C-alpha atoms as a PDB file:
ATOM      1  CA  MET A   1      -0.047   0.021   0.002  1.00  0.00           C
ATOM      2  CA  ARG A   2       2.792   2.411   0.877  1.00  0.00           C
ATOM      3  CA  GLU A   3       4.438   1.594  -2.440  1.00  0.00           C
ATOM      4  CA  ASN A   4       1.330   2.800  -4.248  1.00  0.00           C
ATOM      5  CA  LEU A   5       1.608   6.154  -2.515  1.00  0.00           C
ATOM      6  CA  GLU A   6       5.300   6.409  -3.288  1.00  0.00           C
ATOM      7  CA  LEU A   7       4.479   5.735  -7.062  1.00  0.00           C
ATOM      8  CA  GLY A   8       1.945   8.571  -6.890  1.00  0.00           C
ATOM      9  CA  GLY A   9       4.876  10.858  -5.901  1.00  0.00           C
ATOM     10  CA  PHE A  10       7.003   9.726  -8.877  1.00  0.00           C
ATOM     11  CA  LYS A  11       7.577  13.269 -10.160  1.00  0.00           C
ATOM     12  CA  HIS A  12       9.243  13.959  -6.720  1.00  0.00           C
ATOM     13  CA  ARG A  13      11.307  10.801  -6.880  1.00  0.00           C
ATOM     14  CA  ARG A  14      14.618  12.714  -6.459  1.00  0.00           C
ATOM     15  CA  ASP A  15      13.372  14.307  -3.281  1.00  0.00           C
ATOM     16  CA  ALA A  16      12.762  11.581  -0.638  1.00  0.00           C
ATOM     17  CA  ALA A  17      11.990  14.108   2.125  1.00  0.00           C
ATOM     18  CA  LYS A  18       9.190  15.508   0.016  1.00  0.00           C
ATOM     19  CA  ILE A  19       7.747  12.099  -0.690  1.00  0.00           C
ATOM     20  CA  ARG A  20       7.837  11.276   3.115  1.00  0.00           C
ATOM     21  CA  ARG A  21       6.083  14.611   3.814  1.00  0.00           C
ATOM     22  CA  LEU A  22       3.409  13.920   1.167  1.00  0.00           C
ATOM     23  CA  ILE A  23       2.829  10.499   2.498  1.00  0.00           C
ATOM     24  CA  GLU A  24       2.367  11.900   6.055  1.00  0.00           C
ATOM     25  CA  GLN A  25      -0.143  14.437   4.520  1.00  0.00           C
ATOM     26  CA  MET A  26      -2.100  11.512   2.995  1.00  0.00           C
ATOM     27  CA  PHE A  27      -1.985   9.614   6.256  1.00  0.00           C
ATOM     28  CA  ALA A  28      -3.429  12.739   7.995  1.00  0.00           C
ATOM     29  CA  VAL A  29      -6.227  12.899   5.389  1.00  0.00           C
ATOM     30  CA  PHE A  30      -6.847   9.043   5.520  1.00  0.00           C
ATOM     31  CA  PRO A  31      -5.734   7.808   8.993  1.00  0.00           C
ATOM     32  CA  ARG A  32      -6.996   4.347   7.989  1.00  0.00           C
ATOM     33  CA  LEU A  33      -4.208   4.105   5.406  1.00  0.00           C
ATOM     34  CA  ARG A  34      -1.549   4.634   8.101  1.00  0.00           C
ATOM     35  CA  GLU A  35      -2.995   1.621   9.911  1.00  0.00           C
ATOM     36  CA  ARG A  36      -2.757  -0.418   6.677  1.00  0.00           C
ATOM     37  CA  ALA A  37       0.524   0.918   5.351  1.00  0.00           C
ATOM     38  CA  SER A  38       2.333  -2.427   5.314  1.00  0.00           C
ATOM     39  CA  ARG A  39      -0.592  -4.388   3.809  1.00  0.00           C
ATOM     40  CA  ASN A  40      -0.963  -5.390   0.191  1.00  0.00           C
ATOM     41  CA  ALA A  41      -3.242  -2.960  -1.582  1.00  0.00           C
ATOM     42  CA  GLY A  42      -5.323  -5.863  -3.037  1.00  0.00           C
ATOM     43  CA  THR A  43      -6.237  -6.869   0.534  1.00  0.00           C
ATOM     44  CA  LEU A  44      -7.870  -3.497   1.362  1.00  0.00           C
ATOM     45  CA  SER A  45     -11.635  -3.041   1.398  1.00  0.00           C
ATOM     46  CA  GLY A  46     -13.320  -1.126  -1.445  1.00  0.00           C
ATOM     47  CA  GLY A  47     -13.425   1.993   0.610  1.00  0.00           C
ATOM     48  CA  GLU A  48      -9.832   1.715   1.702  1.00  0.00           C
ATOM     49  CA  GLN A  49      -8.798   1.190  -1.926  1.00  0.00           C
ATOM     50  CA  GLN A  50     -10.665   4.285  -2.904  1.00  0.00           C
ATOM     51  CA  MET A  51      -8.877   6.187  -0.235  1.00  0.00           C
ATOM     52  CA  LEU A  52      -5.555   4.852  -1.591  1.00  0.00           C
ATOM     53  CA  VAL A  53      -6.580   5.839  -5.153  1.00  0.00           C
ATOM     54  CA  LEU A  54      -7.215   9.439  -3.999  1.00  0.00           C
ATOM     55  CA  GLY A  55      -4.070   9.477  -1.877  1.00  0.00           C
ATOM     56  CA  ARG A  56      -1.926   8.249  -4.753  1.00  0.00           C
ATOM     57  CA  ALA A  57      -3.350  10.796  -7.130  1.00  0.00           C
ATOM     58  CA  MET A  58      -2.821  13.629  -4.565  1.00  0.00           C
ATOM     59  CA  MET A  59       0.870  12.666  -4.094  1.00  0.00           C
ATOM     60  CA  SER A  60       1.604  14.191  -7.491  1.00  0.00           C
ATOM     61  CA  GLU A  61       0.191  17.594  -6.300  1.00  0.00           C
ATOM     62  CA  PRO A  62      -2.172  17.846  -9.313  1.00  0.00           C
ATOM     63  CA  HIS A  63      -3.951  20.997 -10.494  1.00  0.00           C
ATOM     64  CA  LEU A  64      -6.758  18.836 -11.939  1.00  0.00           C
ATOM     65  CA  LEU A  65      -8.068  15.586 -10.589  1.00  0.00           C
ATOM     66  CA  CYS A  66     -10.198  13.399 -12.733  1.00  0.00           C
ATOM     67  CA  LEU A  67     -12.399  10.919 -10.893  1.00  0.00           C
ATOM     68  CA  ASP A  68     -14.457   8.248 -12.631  1.00  0.00           C
ATOM     69  CA  GLU A  69     -17.310   6.982 -10.290  1.00  0.00           C
ATOM     70  CA  PRO A  70     -15.518   7.193  -6.925  1.00  0.00           C
ATOM     71  CA  SER A  71     -18.556   5.824  -5.128  1.00  0.00           C
ATOM     72  CA  LEU A  72     -18.985   2.698  -7.255  1.00  0.00           C
ATOM     73  CA  GLY A  73     -19.471  -0.427  -5.074  1.00  0.00           C
ATOM     74  CA  LEU A  74     -18.883   1.479  -1.737  1.00  0.00           C
ATOM     75  CA  ALA A  75     -21.054   1.293   1.410  1.00  0.00           C
ATOM     76  CA  PRO A  76     -23.181   4.310   1.930  1.00  0.00           C
ATOM     77  CA  MET A  77     -21.173   5.546   4.871  1.00  0.00           C
ATOM     78  CA  MET A  78     -17.995   5.260   2.894  1.00  0.00           C
ATOM     79  CA  VAL A  79     -19.531   7.187  -0.031  1.00  0.00           C
ATOM     80  CA  HIS A  80     -20.299   9.946   2.443  1.00  0.00           C
ATOM     81  CA  ASP A  81     -16.628  10.040   3.499  1.00  0.00           C
ATOM     82  CA  ILE A  82     -15.276   9.923  -0.039  1.00  0.00           C
ATOM     83  CA  PHE A  83     -17.283  12.822  -1.180  1.00  0.00           C
ATOM     84  CA  ARG A  84     -16.409  14.805   1.966  1.00  0.00           C
ATOM     85  CA  THR A  85     -12.753  14.211   0.955  1.00  0.00           C
ATOM     86  CA  ILE A  86     -13.392  15.222  -2.571  1.00  0.00           C
ATOM     87  CA  ARG A  87     -14.859  18.497  -1.479  1.00  0.00           C
ATOM     88  CA  SER A  88     -11.906  19.181   0.810  1.00  0.00           C
ATOM     89  CA  ILE A  89      -9.481  18.497  -2.000  1.00  0.00           C
ATOM     90  CA  ASN A  90     -11.413  20.908  -4.180  1.00  0.00           C
ATOM     91  CA  GLU A  91     -11.513  23.547  -1.439  1.00  0.00           C
ATOM     92  CA  ALA A  92      -7.617  23.227  -1.223  1.00  0.00           C
ATOM     93  CA  GLY A  93      -7.526  24.441  -4.761  1.00  0.00           C
ATOM     94  CA  VAL A  94      -7.584  21.317  -6.851  1.00  0.00           C
ATOM     95  CA  SER A  95      -9.972  21.390  -9.775  1.00  0.00           C
ATOM     96  CA  ILE A  96     -12.054  18.207 -10.071  1.00  0.00           C
ATOM     97  CA  LEU A  97     -13.589  16.628 -13.105  1.00  0.00           C
ATOM     98  CA  LEU A  98     -16.113  14.096 -11.623  1.00  0.00           C
ATOM     99  CA  VAL A  99     -17.971  11.390 -13.498  1.00  0.00           C
ATOM    100  CA  GLU A 100     -20.493   9.899 -10.968  1.00  0.00           C
ATOM    101  CA  GLN A 101     -23.643   7.771 -11.189  1.00  0.00           C
ATOM    102  CA  ASN A 102     -24.826   8.962  -7.809  1.00  0.00           C
ATOM    103  CA  ALA A 103     -26.456  12.161  -8.925  1.00  0.00           C
ATOM    104  CA  ARG A 104     -27.409  13.247  -5.387  1.00  0.00           C
ATOM    105  CA  TYR A 105     -23.850  13.300  -4.216  1.00  0.00           C
ATOM    106  CA  ALA A 106     -22.518  14.667  -7.533  1.00  0.00           C
ATOM    107  CA  LEU A 107     -24.937  17.636  -7.537  1.00  0.00           C
ATOM    108  CA  GLU A 108     -24.174  18.338  -3.929  1.00  0.00           C
ATOM    109  CA  THR A 109     -20.386  18.267  -4.575  1.00  0.00           C
ATOM    110  CA  ALA A 110     -19.888  19.925  -7.906  1.00  0.00           C
ATOM    111  CA  SER A 111     -20.310  23.538  -8.799  1.00  0.00           C
ATOM    112  CA  ARG A 112     -21.394  22.847 -12.451  1.00  0.00           C
ATOM    113  CA  GLY A 113     -22.908  19.771 -13.936  1.00  0.00           C
ATOM    114  CA  TYR A 114     -23.705  18.025 -17.210  1.00  0.00           C
ATOM    115  CA  LEU A 115     -26.266  15.358 -17.044  1.00  0.00           C
ATOM    116  CA  LEU A 116     -26.165  12.581 -19.667  1.00  0.00           C
ATOM    117  CA  GLN A 117     -28.912  10.275 -20.737  1.00  0.00           C
ATOM    118  CA  THR A 118     -28.077   7.606 -23.343  1.00  0.00           C
ATOM    119  CA  GLY A 119     -25.004   9.575 -24.426  1.00  0.00           C
ATOM    120  CA  SER A 120     -26.650  12.946 -24.816  1.00  0.00           C
ATOM    121  CA  ILE A 121     -26.576  15.976 -22.601  1.00  0.00           C
ATOM    122  CA  ILE A 122     -30.138  16.574 -21.325  1.00  0.00           C
ATOM    123  CA  ALA A 123     -29.296  19.312 -18.832  1.00  0.00           C
ATOM    124  CA  SER A 124     -26.223  21.413 -17.857  1.00  0.00           C
ATOM    125  CA  GLY A 125     -25.487  24.363 -15.740  1.00  0.00           C
ATOM    126  CA  PRO A 126     -24.823  25.304 -12.141  1.00  0.00           C
ATOM    127  CA  CYS A 127     -25.546  22.369  -9.796  1.00  0.00           C
ATOM    128  CA  ALA A 128     -27.724  24.572  -7.611  1.00  0.00           C
ATOM    129  CA  LEU A 129     -30.083  25.005 -10.629  1.00  0.00           C
ATOM    130  CA  LEU A 130     -29.814  21.430 -11.779  1.00  0.00           C
ATOM    131  CA  ARG A 131     -31.030  20.247  -8.336  1.00  0.00           C
ATOM    132  CA  LYS A 132     -34.213  22.137  -8.998  1.00  0.00           C
ATOM    133  CA  ASP A 133     -34.595  20.993 -12.566  1.00  0.00           C
ATOM    134  CA  GLU A 134     -37.707  18.624 -13.047  1.00  0.00           C
ATOM    135  CA  ARG A 135     -35.837  16.666 -15.730  1.00  0.00           C
ATOM    136  CA  VAL A 136     -33.059  15.896 -13.312  1.00  0.00           C
ATOM    137  CA  HIS A 137     -35.485  14.672 -10.665  1.00  0.00           C
ATOM    138  CA  ASP A 138     -37.329  12.552 -13.095  1.00  0.00           C
ATOM    139  CA  ALA A 139     -34.233  10.969 -14.650  1.00  0.00           C
ATOM    140  CA  TYR A 140     -31.866  10.725 -11.656  1.00  0.00           C
ATOM    141  CA  LEU A 141     -33.300  11.632  -8.253  1.00  0.00           C
ATOM    142  CA  GLY A 142     -36.767  10.264  -8.422  1.00  0.00           C
ATOM    143  CA  ARG A 143     -40.088  12.131  -8.064  1.00  0.00           C
ATOM    144  CA  GLY A 144     -39.938  12.204  -4.182  1.00  0.00           C
ATOM    145  CA  ALA A 145     -36.521  13.878  -4.226  1.00  0.00           C
ATOM    146  CA  ALA A 146     -37.928  17.197  -5.606  1.00  0.00           C
ATOM    147  CA  ARG A 147     -39.252  17.997  -2.278  1.00  0.00           C
ATOM    148  CA  GLU A 148     -36.162  16.947  -0.456  1.00  0.00           C
ATOM    149  CA  VAL A 149     -33.405  18.596  -2.468  1.00  0.00           C
ATOM    150  CA  VAL A 150     -35.070  21.929  -3.444  1.00  0.00           C
END
């Protein structure tokens, strides 16, 4: 698992001290990874693997982070934690391109959205407006969600 983080910091490979600092930062963001540092990444739970994916990506200090369905297959509590982390990464100045099937979390996390249906954009704009769009409720959130989200 630790080797995965080190690989994420490949661009800093000549600065071992920086890699150690970045790994410590990832352990601060994901304390569970510190507990699992010596384990094989393949033995981690789905949520722990997703933490590792985010940590490895952040090791390169990106300006843009592209995430493809980070909630896929995760328990609901872990989904909440992953999206909280995504928001904090964005608040730290990293732009995020998020592809996500969980429309509720995506619309609560992103500032702008593009909703696709069978390969075509059916709605786009600021997420605050998309959450109120009837087409979005019908296609992605369900009828009852209109009262909850608005």
